[in-house]
Amino acid sequence: MTPTELAAREKVKLQSLTRLLAELEAQGLLAREPHASDARQSVLSLTRVGLAQLKAVARSRESSLATAMAQHLSAEEIATLQAACALMDRVAAALGEDV
């Protein structure tokens, strides 16, 4: 994905994203490769370190959420939330968004 494509997908200005991408690249979390057909563009990808960090953050957040749900919600309330999530996934799919 190019920086322009990422900005459009996330609905932010490219100028706003540029500094963040440079910081992620400097930290070794993001790599840029030349675009195959457009020398003005670059293609972004996560490095191994970036992917590992992303997965670790996602696992931590999922664990925190699961713990909070288990401590503060009944089994019935958890089931209701899970059903709502399935509905939200369907809405996102209808909009053509990845979930």
Protein backbone atom coordinates (compact mmCIF):
# COMPACT_ATOMS: atom_id res chain seq x y z
CA MET A 1 0.00 0.00 0.00
CA THR A 2 1.29 3.46 -0.83
CA PRO A 3 1.22 6.37 1.60
CA THR A 4 -1.45 8.01 -0.57
CA GLU A 5 -3.61 4.88 -0.46
CA LEU A 6 -3.18 4.61 3.31
CA ALA A 7 -4.16 8.25 3.83
CA ALA A 8 -7.27 7.76 1.69
CA ARG A 9 -8.21 4.56 3.48
CA GLU A 10 -7.84 6.16 6.90
CA LYS A 11 -9.48 9.39 5.72
CA VAL A 12 -6.58 11.61 6.80
CA LYS A 13 -4.49 14.12 4.88
CA LEU A 14 -1.28 12.75 3.43
CA GLN A 15 0.63 15.60 5.06
CA SER A 16 -0.66 14.49 8.48
CA LEU A 17 0.45 10.93 7.85
CA THR A 18 3.89 11.72 6.47
CA ARG A 19 5.51 12.57 9.83
CA LEU A 20 4.05 9.47 11.51
CA LEU A 21 5.30 7.22 8.72
CA ALA A 22 8.78 8.75 8.99
CA GLU A 23 8.80 8.10 12.75
CA LEU A 24 7.69 4.48 12.28
CA GLU A 25 10.36 4.00 9.64
CA ALA A 26 13.04 5.53 11.91
CA GLN A 27 12.00 3.12 14.67
CA GLY A 28 12.44 0.18 12.31
CA LEU A 29 8.73 -0.69 12.35
CA LEU A 30 7.95 0.29 8.76
CA ALA A 31 9.78 -0.26 5.47
CA ARG A 32 9.43 1.55 2.16
CA GLU A 33 10.15 -0.06 -1.17
CA PRO A 34 10.05 1.58 -4.60
CA HIS A 35 6.71 1.27 -6.40
CA ALA A 36 6.94 -1.18 -9.30
CA SER A 37 5.34 1.10 -11.88
CA ASP A 38 5.47 4.62 -10.41
CA ALA A 39 8.87 5.94 -9.37
CA ARG A 40 7.20 8.82 -7.51
CA GLN A 41 5.53 6.42 -5.08
CA SER A 42 6.74 4.00 -2.46
CA VAL A 43 5.07 0.88 -1.10
CA LEU A 44 4.78 0.56 2.68
CA SER A 45 5.07 -2.63 4.66
CA LEU A 46 5.59 -3.57 8.27
CA THR A 47 8.99 -4.92 9.17
CA ARG A 48 9.24 -8.15 11.17
CA VAL A 49 9.72 -6.03 14.28
CA GLY A 50 6.74 -3.85 13.35
CA LEU A 51 4.51 -6.86 12.78
CA ALA A 52 5.61 -8.45 16.05
CA GLN A 53 4.90 -5.21 17.94
CA LEU A 54 1.49 -4.84 16.28
CA LYS A 55 0.56 -8.41 17.22
CA ALA A 56 1.76 -7.90 20.80
CA VAL A 57 -0.29 -4.72 21.20
CA ALA A 58 -3.37 -6.41 19.73
CA ARG A 59 -2.98 -9.41 22.09
CA SER A 60 -2.57 -7.11 25.08
CA ARG A 61 -5.66 -5.08 24.20
CA GLU A 62 -7.72 -8.21 23.56
CA SER A 63 -6.62 -9.63 26.89
CA SER A 64 -7.50 -6.43 28.74
CA LEU A 65 -10.90 -6.31 27.10
CA ALA A 66 -11.61 -9.98 27.86
CA THR A 67 -10.62 -9.47 31.49
CA ALA A 68 -12.82 -6.38 31.86
CA MET A 69 -15.75 -8.15 30.24
CA ALA A 70 -15.37 -11.20 32.47
CA GLN A 71 -15.16 -9.06 35.60
CA HIS A 72 -18.00 -6.66 34.85
CA LEU A 73 -20.49 -8.40 32.55
CA SER A 74 -22.77 -11.37 32.91
CA ALA A 75 -22.59 -14.30 30.49
CA GLU A 76 -25.79 -13.02 28.88
CA GLU A 77 -24.31 -9.54 28.42
CA ILE A 78 -21.16 -11.00 26.87
CA ALA A 79 -23.31 -13.01 24.45
CA THR A 80 -25.20 -9.83 23.53
CA LEU A 81 -21.93 -8.03 22.81
CA GLN A 82 -20.69 -10.92 20.68
CA ALA A 83 -23.92 -10.86 18.66
CA ALA A 84 -23.58 -7.09 18.24
CA CYS A 85 -20.00 -7.55 16.99
CA ALA A 86 -21.20 -10.01 14.36
CA LEU A 87 -23.76 -7.45 13.22
CA MET A 88 -21.11 -4.72 13.06
CA ASP A 89 -18.91 -7.03 10.97
CA ARG A 90 -21.79 -7.45 8.52
CA VAL A 91 -22.28 -3.68 8.29
CA ALA A 92 -18.55 -3.13 7.73
CA ALA A 93 -18.53 -5.83 5.04
CA ALA A 94 -21.47 -4.10 3.32
CA LEU A 95 -19.44 -0.89 3.32
CA GLY A 96 -16.45 -2.76 1.87
CA GLU A 97 -14.26 -2.24 4.91
CA ASP A 98 -11.83 -4.77 6.36
CA VAL A 99 -12.57 -5.78 9.93
